[in-house]
Protein backbone atom coordinates (compact mmCIF):
# COMPACT_ATOMS: atom_id res chain seq x y z
CA MET A 1 -9.81 12.10 -27.40
CA THR A 2 -9.75 15.77 -27.07
CA ALA A 3 -7.15 18.11 -24.83
CA ASN A 4 -9.71 18.23 -22.08
CA GLN A 5 -10.16 14.62 -21.68
CA LEU A 6 -6.79 14.09 -21.63
CA MET A 7 -6.07 16.50 -19.01
CA PHE A 8 -9.04 15.46 -16.93
CA ILE A 9 -7.65 12.16 -17.15
CA LEU A 10 -4.11 13.40 -16.05
CA PHE A 11 -5.32 15.50 -13.33
CA SER A 12 -7.48 12.71 -11.72
CA ALA A 13 -4.64 10.14 -11.75
CA VAL A 14 -2.26 12.79 -10.02
CA ILE A 15 -5.08 13.48 -7.49
CA VAL A 16 -5.46 9.69 -7.15
CA VAL A 17 -2.15 8.48 -6.87
CA CYS A 18 -0.68 11.34 -4.76
CA SER A 19 -3.35 11.13 -2.21
CA ILE A 20 -2.81 7.42 -1.80
CA LEU A 21 0.96 8.01 -1.50
CA THR A 22 0.18 10.82 0.70
CA VAL A 23 -1.52 8.29 3.49
CA THR A 24 0.75 5.34 2.98
CA SER A 25 4.27 7.35 2.71
CA ARG A 26 6.35 6.50 6.28
CA LYS A 27 8.44 9.58 5.61
CA ILE A 28 6.77 13.10 6.78
CA LEU A 29 8.10 15.41 4.50
CA ARG A 30 7.28 13.45 1.62
CA ALA A 31 3.60 13.10 2.63
CA ALA A 32 3.54 17.12 2.85
CA ILE A 33 4.97 17.19 -0.68
CA PHE A 34 2.37 14.76 -2.07
CA LEU A 35 -0.38 16.34 -0.35
CA TRP A 36 0.70 19.64 -1.96
CA PHE A 37 0.55 18.00 -5.68
CA VAL A 38 -3.19 16.76 -4.88
CA SER A 39 -4.01 20.51 -4.05
CA VAL A 40 -2.44 21.71 -7.33
CA ALA A 41 -4.26 19.21 -9.67
CA THR A 42 -7.06 19.81 -7.57
CA SER A 43 -7.28 23.64 -8.73
CA GLY A 44 -6.57 22.51 -12.03
CA LEU A 45 -9.77 20.60 -12.14
CA TYR A 46 -11.13 23.69 -11.10
CA PHE A 47 -9.61 25.73 -14.15
CA MET A 48 -10.87 23.07 -16.56
CA LEU A 49 -14.54 23.67 -14.90
CA SER A 50 -13.87 27.70 -15.28
CA TYR A 51 -14.06 28.19 -11.58
CA GLN A 52 -11.02 30.65 -11.65
CA PHE A 53 -11.89 32.00 -8.36
CA LEU A 54 -12.26 28.59 -6.94
CA ALA A 55 -9.00 27.67 -8.41
CA ALA A 56 -7.35 30.48 -7.19
CA VAL A 57 -8.59 30.18 -3.52
CA GLN A 58 -7.35 26.54 -3.78
CA LEU A 59 -3.68 27.44 -5.13
CA THR A 60 -3.47 30.61 -2.70
CA LEU A 61 -4.90 29.12 0.37
CA TYR A 62 -4.24 25.22 0.12
CA ALA A 63 -1.14 24.65 -2.21
CA GLY A 64 0.42 28.19 -1.12
CA GLY A 65 -0.73 28.48 2.12
CA ILE A 66 -1.62 25.58 4.24
CA VAL A 67 0.73 23.00 2.77
CA VAL A 68 3.67 25.03 2.96
CA LEU A 69 2.83 25.83 6.22
CA ILE A 70 2.99 22.40 7.16
CA ILE A 71 6.31 22.01 5.26
CA PHE A 72 7.89 24.68 7.08
CA SER A 73 6.64 23.24 10.32
CA ILE A 74 8.38 20.09 9.42
CA LEU A 75 11.62 21.69 8.67
CA LEU A 76 11.58 24.08 11.79
CA THR A 77 10.76 21.32 14.30
CA SER A 78 14.04 19.14 13.00
CA HIS A 79 11.72 16.21 11.79
CA ILE A 80 12.60 16.25 8.19
CA SER A 81 14.17 12.53 8.44
CA GLN A 82 11.42 11.10 10.70
CA LYS A 83 9.66 7.74 9.57
CA PHE A 84 6.44 6.80 10.72
CA GLU A 85 5.74 3.75 12.23
CA PRO A 86 4.77 0.52 10.04
CA ILE A 87 1.04 0.27 10.04
CA GLU A 88 0.19 -3.02 11.73
CA VAL A 89 -2.11 -5.40 9.66
CA LYS A 90 -5.16 -4.97 11.84
CA LYS A 91 -5.33 -1.29 11.17
CA SER A 92 -4.60 -1.69 7.52
CA ILE A 93 -8.07 -4.05 7.48
CA PHE A 94 -9.76 -1.69 8.99
CA SER A 95 -8.99 0.90 7.04
CA ALA A 96 -9.29 -0.70 3.75
CA LEU A 97 -13.00 -1.79 5.09
CA ALA A 98 -13.58 2.13 5.88
CA ALA A 99 -12.33 3.10 2.55
CA ALA A 100 -14.15 0.63 0.69
CA ALA A 101 -17.40 1.55 2.45
CA GLY A 102 -16.94 5.48 1.61
CA PHE A 103 -16.29 4.05 -1.79
CA ILE A 104 -19.60 2.02 -1.82
CA VAL A 105 -21.47 5.05 -0.23
CA THR A 106 -20.12 7.18 -2.61
CA ILE A 107 -21.00 5.57 -5.68
CA ILE A 108 -24.55 4.55 -4.58
CA THR A 109 -25.17 8.45 -4.03
CA ILE A 110 -24.07 9.58 -7.29
CA LEU A 111 -26.25 6.83 -8.97
CA ASP A 112 -29.18 7.84 -6.94
CA PHE A 113 -28.91 11.33 -7.73
CA GLY A 114 -31.35 12.35 -10.87
CA PHE A 115 -28.37 14.46 -13.32
CA SER A 116 -30.33 16.39 -15.77
CA ALA A 117 -29.45 18.52 -18.34
CA THR A 118 -30.24 22.12 -18.30
CA THR A 119 -30.78 24.62 -21.06
CA GLU A 120 -29.88 27.68 -19.14
CA ALA A 121 -27.02 29.69 -20.07
CA ALA A 122 -24.06 29.95 -17.74
CA ARG A 123 -24.57 32.76 -15.33
CA GLU A 124 -22.11 35.78 -15.38
CA VAL A 125 -19.76 35.75 -12.24
CA ASN A 126 -19.46 39.56 -10.77
CA MET A 127 -16.82 39.59 -8.77
CA GLN A 128 -18.08 42.88 -6.92
CA VAL A 129 -20.76 40.55 -5.75
CA VAL A 130 -18.61 37.61 -4.52
CA GLY A 131 -16.10 40.12 -2.99
CA SER A 132 -18.82 41.80 -0.93
CA ASP A 133 -20.19 38.36 0.11
CA LEU A 134 -16.83 37.37 1.37
CA LEU A 135 -16.59 40.32 3.38
CA SER A 136 -20.07 40.75 4.65
CA THR A 137 -21.68 39.58 8.08
CA GLY A 138 -25.05 39.72 6.53
CA SER A 139 -27.42 36.74 5.72
CA ASN A 140 -24.71 35.85 2.32
CA GLY A 141 -21.41 36.88 4.22
CA PHE A 142 -18.83 34.74 4.76
CA ILE A 143 -16.62 36.44 7.05
CA LEU A 144 -17.23 34.59 9.91
CA PRO A 145 -16.46 31.10 8.40
CA PHE A 146 -12.97 32.50 7.31
CA GLU A 147 -12.36 33.67 10.87
CA VAL A 148 -13.35 30.37 12.67
CA VAL A 149 -11.15 28.85 9.57
CA SER A 150 -8.27 30.96 10.44
CA ILE A 151 -8.52 30.42 14.34
CA LEU A 152 -8.58 26.55 13.63
CA LEU A 153 -5.37 26.69 11.38
CA LEU A 154 -3.57 28.82 14.13
CA ALA A 155 -4.68 26.24 16.63
CA ALA A 156 -3.73 23.13 14.82
CA MET A 157 -0.30 25.06 14.16
CA VAL A 158 0.32 25.28 18.00
CA GLY A 159 -0.93 21.83 18.64
CA ALA A 160 1.64 20.53 15.67
CA ILE A 161 4.49 22.50 16.86
CA VAL A 162 3.83 21.61 20.70
CA VAL A 163 3.51 17.83 19.69
CA ALA A 164 6.53 17.79 17.21
CA LYS A 165 8.95 19.39 19.50
CA LYS A 166 11.77 17.20 20.55
CA ALA A 167 11.60 16.56 24.31
CA GLY A 168 14.56 17.03 26.27
CA PRO A 169 16.89 14.37 28.04
CA SER A 170 15.16 12.91 31.15
CA LYS A 171 16.00 14.29 34.22
CA THR A 172 15.31 11.40 36.46
CA HIS A 173 17.66 8.90 37.84
CA SER A 174 17.70 5.64 38.54
CA GLU A 175 20.53 5.36 41.10
CA PRO A 176 20.91 7.63 43.94
CA ILE A 177 22.91 10.85 43.61
CA LYS A 178 26.09 10.38 45.68
């Protein structure tokens, strides 16, 4: 077994195990930490594929930005010890069926796709072209999707803080005031 195969197995195992732990953990902070491990292992796979730019974006944007933002939100809203309620059996069955259906569709799609080897040499990545495309508004530009994602993340954070904010004691009285 080569070092690349060993690293692929290690990153894949971390992604699978931590993904399952992310969605099954009852403590919210642990779920966020497991999500961070998934993001870091995914960037490791990108580095193995020689997609350094995508790996750097994965590390800085997702692992370094979004997950850390989620963790800070959890810590700032004082829900560090919050536990999720146990999942009902009915929901577990439907979740397992949905996961199995997604797995089957994925496997069928992979098996039906005609992968073919190529003899073309790998193209050289020109970082100036990548940078200008990221900041361009033209036909190959990506500035609009970045702006939309930033607004979406802002809305998600505001919504998360509003939902997570502790409600004060109830001001209603069941007895008349004397």
